[in-house]
Structure formats: structure tokens, C-alpha cells
Amino acid sequence: MDPAEFWRQTSEKRGGEISFRTFAAFLGRSGEKLLGLPGLLYVVGDNVWFEDFEHDNWLAKIVSGNREFKKTELSFAKSEVTFAHVVSRGSAYRCIAGRVPPDKLPLLTPRGRLFLSVAVQVGLRDGSSLFFEVINREPFLAMFARG
């Protein structure tokens, strides 16, 4: 399927115009398991959506045989987001594993961004956090800027 048709169908399926889209990896949710799923992150109305896509990994097929792809989709309302900022990927992994609470992660300074792998922490009203590696990071963060 060509990209224009994919986005047309996605817009129709989600019931609105797509106002933002980028490639991303969903690392996981605080206190759960590490996922590291590559996919698409996009916004329709007040909802942020992530969906992964099947990718052809020939090495995994050789090692583990043919495994059936199970699609992952998640969404959250922008109005549920209490903050969004940059943390180190290592901090994100510790939080996903449950070793550090979401509200205790240190923000990554501009200098730290030069030396460390970066993740975006999205804090939700229920106290949990979602973690993404986002290709088009600054516009994504700007959607949640308070001020």
C-alpha cells in the first residue's frame, strides 16, 4: 500500500484528520515490561495514537521460526497528559522495569542529550508514564508544553 493511501485509511479509521505523524518506538509503560516496538506515532483530534507494524526480520525468522505478528495499538488523550519531557533511555528502562517511580526520573539536560540516548517520557493523569523514542521529537513535545 502506498503511504498516501495508508494515511487516508488511517484518518478514516480514527475518525478525523491526522495533525501530526512521525516514526517512533514505544519502549513501554512504567512498571510493565520493556517492549521496544517500532511503529508510527500520530495525532487525530485530542488522541495520540501509536501502532506498530510488521517488519521483516530475517534473522528472527531463522532463529525462532515463523511467529505470527500481533499488532499493538495504543492511544491516550492529550488532555490526560500531565507532562512530556526528555529523559535518558537508561532511566526510561529502569522506570519501565519498576525500579524507579515515574515522578523520580531526572530530566535530561541539553548537555546530557549530547552524550546519552534519549527517550520521551509522557506522564499521564493516572500517575503512569509511557516512554517513546520519537524521530520528530521537538514538535511532539511542543504539543504538551504548558505555558
C-alpha atoms as a PDB file:
ATOM      1  CA  MET A   1       0.000   0.000   0.000  1.00  0.00           C
ATOM      2  CA  ASP A   2       1.346   3.418  -0.827  1.00  0.00           C
ATOM      3  CA  PRO A   3       1.822   5.886   2.072  1.00  0.00           C
ATOM      4  CA  ALA A   4      -0.888   8.323   0.931  1.00  0.00           C
ATOM      5  CA  GLU A   5      -3.460   5.525   0.875  1.00  0.00           C
ATOM      6  CA  PHE A   6      -2.317   4.234   4.265  1.00  0.00           C
ATOM      7  CA  TRP A   7      -2.754   7.681   5.853  1.00  0.00           C
ATOM      8  CA  ARG A   8      -6.124   8.180   4.131  1.00  0.00           C
ATOM      9  CA  GLN A   9      -7.368   4.863   5.533  1.00  0.00           C
ATOM     10  CA  THR A  10      -5.905   5.602   8.977  1.00  0.00           C
ATOM     11  CA  SER A  11      -7.610   9.000   9.058  1.00  0.00           C
ATOM     12  CA  GLU A  12     -10.897   7.377   8.119  1.00  0.00           C
ATOM     13  CA  LYS A  13     -10.459   4.597  10.704  1.00  0.00           C
ATOM     14  CA  ARG A  14      -9.649   7.082  13.513  1.00  0.00           C
ATOM     15  CA  GLY A  15     -12.442   9.477  12.545  1.00  0.00           C
ATOM     16  CA  GLY A  16     -10.532  12.667  11.852  1.00  0.00           C
ATOM     17  CA  GLU A  17      -7.661  14.455  10.223  1.00  0.00           C
ATOM     18  CA  ILE A  18      -4.131  13.473  11.191  1.00  0.00           C
ATOM     19  CA  SER A  19      -2.428  16.613  12.512  1.00  0.00           C
ATOM     20  CA  PHE A  20       0.968  15.115  13.389  1.00  0.00           C
ATOM     21  CA  ARG A  21       2.833  11.952  12.449  1.00  0.00           C
ATOM     22  CA  THR A  22       6.288  10.529  12.944  1.00  0.00           C
ATOM     23  CA  PHE A  23       8.180   7.291  13.274  1.00  0.00           C
ATOM     24  CA  ALA A  24       8.713   6.213  16.865  1.00  0.00           C
ATOM     25  CA  ALA A  25       9.463   3.236  19.053  1.00  0.00           C
ATOM     26  CA  PHE A  26       7.214   2.502  22.003  1.00  0.00           C
ATOM     27  CA  LEU A  27       9.594   1.442  24.760  1.00  0.00           C
ATOM     28  CA  GLY A  28       6.912   0.595  27.310  1.00  0.00           C
ATOM     29  CA  ARG A  29       4.772   1.764  30.226  1.00  0.00           C
ATOM     30  CA  SER A  30       6.098   2.392  33.726  1.00  0.00           C
ATOM     31  CA  GLY A  31       6.076  -0.732  35.877  1.00  0.00           C
ATOM     32  CA  GLU A  32       5.437  -3.098  32.974  1.00  0.00           C
ATOM     33  CA  LYS A  33       7.662  -4.926  30.513  1.00  0.00           C
ATOM     34  CA  LEU A  34      10.079  -3.459  28.011  1.00  0.00           C
ATOM     35  CA  LEU A  35       8.594  -3.568  24.517  1.00  0.00           C
ATOM     36  CA  GLY A  36      10.770  -1.582  22.102  1.00  0.00           C
ATOM     37  CA  LEU A  37       8.205  -1.721  19.299  1.00  0.00           C
ATOM     38  CA  PRO A  38       8.973   0.314  16.174  1.00  0.00           C
ATOM     39  CA  GLY A  39       5.971   1.995  14.624  1.00  0.00           C
ATOM     40  CA  LEU A  40       4.062   5.172  13.934  1.00  0.00           C
ATOM     41  CA  LEU A  41       3.033   7.872  16.384  1.00  0.00           C
ATOM     42  CA  TYR A  42       0.289  10.218  15.195  1.00  0.00           C
ATOM     43  CA  VAL A  43      -2.407  12.574  16.436  1.00  0.00           C
ATOM     44  CA  VAL A  44      -6.089  12.662  15.471  1.00  0.00           C
ATOM     45  CA  GLY A  45      -8.100  15.316  17.287  1.00  0.00           C
ATOM     46  CA  ASP A  46      -7.363  15.037  21.023  1.00  0.00           C
ATOM     47  CA  ASN A  47      -5.982  11.496  20.735  1.00  0.00           C
ATOM     48  CA  VAL A  48      -2.392  10.394  20.338  1.00  0.00           C
ATOM     49  CA  TRP A  49      -2.058   7.001  18.682  1.00  0.00           C
ATOM     50  CA  PHE A  50       0.808   4.561  18.407  1.00  0.00           C
ATOM     51  CA  GLU A  51       0.686   1.479  16.256  1.00  0.00           C
ATOM     52  CA  ASP A  52       3.455  -0.879  15.389  1.00  0.00           C
ATOM     53  CA  PHE A  53       3.859  -2.560  12.059  1.00  0.00           C
ATOM     54  CA  GLU A  54       5.182  -5.865  10.943  1.00  0.00           C
ATOM     55  CA  HIS A  55       8.769  -5.685   9.834  1.00  0.00           C
ATOM     56  CA  ASP A  56      10.644  -8.370   8.024  1.00  0.00           C
ATOM     57  CA  ASN A  57      13.406  -9.523  10.353  1.00  0.00           C
ATOM     58  CA  TRP A  58      15.041 -12.424   8.565  1.00  0.00           C
ATOM     59  CA  LEU A  59      17.366 -13.240  11.459  1.00  0.00           C
ATOM     60  CA  ALA A  60      14.468 -13.591  13.917  1.00  0.00           C
ATOM     61  CA  LYS A  61      12.683 -15.892  11.484  1.00  0.00           C
ATOM     62  CA  ILE A  62      15.743 -18.135  11.223  1.00  0.00           C
ATOM     63  CA  VAL A  63      16.270 -18.277  14.990  1.00  0.00           C
ATOM     64  CA  SER A  64      12.665 -18.564  16.156  1.00  0.00           C
ATOM     65  CA  GLY A  65      10.775 -19.831  13.128  1.00  0.00           C
ATOM     66  CA  ASN A  66       7.677 -18.194  11.714  1.00  0.00           C
ATOM     67  CA  ARG A  67       5.944 -16.343  14.517  1.00  0.00           C
ATOM     68  CA  GLU A  68       2.612 -14.741  13.831  1.00  0.00           C
ATOM     69  CA  PHE A  69       2.665 -10.943  14.050  1.00  0.00           C
ATOM     70  CA  LYS A  70       0.427  -9.485  16.772  1.00  0.00           C
ATOM     71  CA  LYS A  71      -0.354  -5.817  16.144  1.00  0.00           C
ATOM     72  CA  THR A  72      -0.062  -3.372  19.033  1.00  0.00           C
ATOM     73  CA  GLU A  73      -2.149  -0.211  19.114  1.00  0.00           C
ATOM     74  CA  LEU A  74      -2.477   2.216  21.973  1.00  0.00           C
ATOM     75  CA  SER A  75      -3.937   5.644  22.394  1.00  0.00           C
ATOM     76  CA  PHE A  76      -4.242   8.319  25.016  1.00  0.00           C
ATOM     77  CA  ALA A  77      -5.964  11.686  25.103  1.00  0.00           C
ATOM     78  CA  LYS A  78      -3.747  14.758  25.010  1.00  0.00           C
ATOM     79  CA  SER A  79      -5.908  16.089  27.842  1.00  0.00           C
ATOM     80  CA  GLU A  80      -4.709  13.141  30.018  1.00  0.00           C
ATOM     81  CA  VAL A  81      -1.055  14.186  29.660  1.00  0.00           C
ATOM     82  CA  THR A  82       0.333  15.984  32.712  1.00  0.00           C
ATOM     83  CA  PHE A  83       3.837  16.432  31.279  1.00  0.00           C
ATOM     84  CA  ALA A  84       6.116  15.345  28.473  1.00  0.00           C
ATOM     85  CA  HIS A  85       9.869  15.719  28.619  1.00  0.00           C
ATOM     86  CA  VAL A  86      13.166  14.133  27.708  1.00  0.00           C
ATOM     87  CA  VAL A  87      14.907  11.571  29.921  1.00  0.00           C
ATOM     88  CA  SER A  88      17.775   9.211  29.268  1.00  0.00           C
ATOM     89  CA  ARG A  89      16.874   5.902  27.696  1.00  0.00           C
ATOM     90  CA  GLY A  90      18.550   4.157  30.648  1.00  0.00           C
ATOM     91  CA  SER A  91      16.263   5.997  33.086  1.00  0.00           C
ATOM     92  CA  ALA A  92      13.264   5.054  30.962  1.00  0.00           C
ATOM     93  CA  TYR A  93      14.276   1.380  31.059  1.00  0.00           C
ATOM     94  CA  ARG A  94      14.630   1.482  34.863  1.00  0.00           C
ATOM     95  CA  CYS A  95      11.170   3.037  35.204  1.00  0.00           C
ATOM     96  CA  ILE A  96       9.583   0.533  32.822  1.00  0.00           C
ATOM     97  CA  ALA A  97      11.138  -2.273  34.871  1.00  0.00           C
ATOM     98  CA  GLY A  98       9.610  -0.770  38.026  1.00  0.00           C
ATOM     99  CA  ARG A  99      12.916   0.107  39.690  1.00  0.00           C
ATOM    100  CA  VAL A 100      12.283   3.882  39.666  1.00  0.00           C
ATOM    101  CA  PRO A 101       8.895   5.624  40.030  1.00  0.00           C
ATOM    102  CA  PRO A 102       7.862   7.811  37.071  1.00  0.00           C
ATOM    103  CA  ASP A 103       7.927  11.006  39.148  1.00  0.00           C
ATOM    104  CA  LYS A 104      11.546  10.422  40.236  1.00  0.00           C
ATOM    105  CA  LEU A 105      13.239  10.364  36.819  1.00  0.00           C
ATOM    106  CA  PRO A 106      15.744  13.164  36.257  1.00  0.00           C
ATOM    107  CA  LEU A 107      15.191  15.409  33.255  1.00  0.00           C
ATOM    108  CA  LEU A 108      17.865  15.217  30.630  1.00  0.00           C
ATOM    109  CA  THR A 109      19.734  18.499  30.215  1.00  0.00           C
ATOM    110  CA  PRO A 110      20.683  19.828  26.774  1.00  0.00           C
ATOM    111  CA  ARG A 111      24.278  18.820  27.526  1.00  0.00           C
ATOM    112  CA  GLY A 112      23.180  15.324  28.562  1.00  0.00           C
ATOM    113  CA  ARG A 113      21.333  14.970  25.248  1.00  0.00           C
ATOM    114  CA  LEU A 114      24.703  15.166  23.513  1.00  0.00           C
ATOM    115  CA  PHE A 115      26.090  12.144  25.353  1.00  0.00           C
ATOM    116  CA  LEU A 116      23.156   9.897  26.213  1.00  0.00           C
ATOM    117  CA  SER A 117      20.455   8.078  24.265  1.00  0.00           C
ATOM    118  CA  VAL A 118      17.184   9.945  24.598  1.00  0.00           C
ATOM    119  CA  ALA A 119      13.620   8.882  25.371  1.00  0.00           C
ATOM    120  CA  VAL A 120      10.445  10.924  25.730  1.00  0.00           C
ATOM    121  CA  GLN A 121       8.529  10.393  28.955  1.00  0.00           C
ATOM    122  CA  VAL A 122       4.798  11.112  28.695  1.00  0.00           C
ATOM    123  CA  GLY A 123       3.231  11.401  32.154  1.00  0.00           C
ATOM    124  CA  LEU A 124      -0.456  10.575  32.390  1.00  0.00           C
ATOM    125  CA  ARG A 125      -3.051  11.747  34.883  1.00  0.00           C
ATOM    126  CA  ASP A 126      -3.267   8.252  36.432  1.00  0.00           C
ATOM    127  CA  GLY A 127       0.391   8.554  37.562  1.00  0.00           C
ATOM    128  CA  SER A 128       1.827   6.182  34.964  1.00  0.00           C
ATOM    129  CA  SER A 129       4.237   7.130  32.201  1.00  0.00           C
ATOM    130  CA  LEU A 130       4.692   5.994  28.627  1.00  0.00           C
ATOM    131  CA  PHE A 131       8.127   6.025  27.024  1.00  0.00           C
ATOM    132  CA  PHE A 132       8.921   6.559  23.369  1.00  0.00           C
ATOM    133  CA  GLU A 133      11.894   7.158  21.159  1.00  0.00           C
ATOM    134  CA  VAL A 134      10.498   9.772  18.774  1.00  0.00           C
ATOM    135  CA  ILE A 135      12.104  10.752  15.485  1.00  0.00           C
ATOM    136  CA  ASN A 136      10.363  14.140  15.241  1.00  0.00           C
ATOM    137  CA  ARG A 137      10.758  14.822  18.967  1.00  0.00           C
ATOM    138  CA  GLU A 138      10.576  18.622  19.360  1.00  0.00           C
ATOM    139  CA  PRO A 139       7.172  19.114  17.642  1.00  0.00           C
ATOM    140  CA  PHE A 140       5.829  16.168  19.638  1.00  0.00           C
ATOM    141  CA  LEU A 141       6.988  17.712  22.923  1.00  0.00           C
ATOM    142  CA  ALA A 142       5.612  21.121  21.890  1.00  0.00           C
ATOM    143  CA  MET A 143       2.075  19.664  21.765  1.00  0.00           C
ATOM    144  CA  PHE A 144       2.215  19.204  25.537  1.00  0.00           C
ATOM    145  CA  ALA A 145       4.070  22.369  26.530  1.00  0.00           C
ATOM    146  CA  ARG A 146       2.274  24.256  29.247  1.00  0.00           C
ATOM    147  CA  GLY A 147       2.565  27.937  29.364  1.00  0.00           C
END
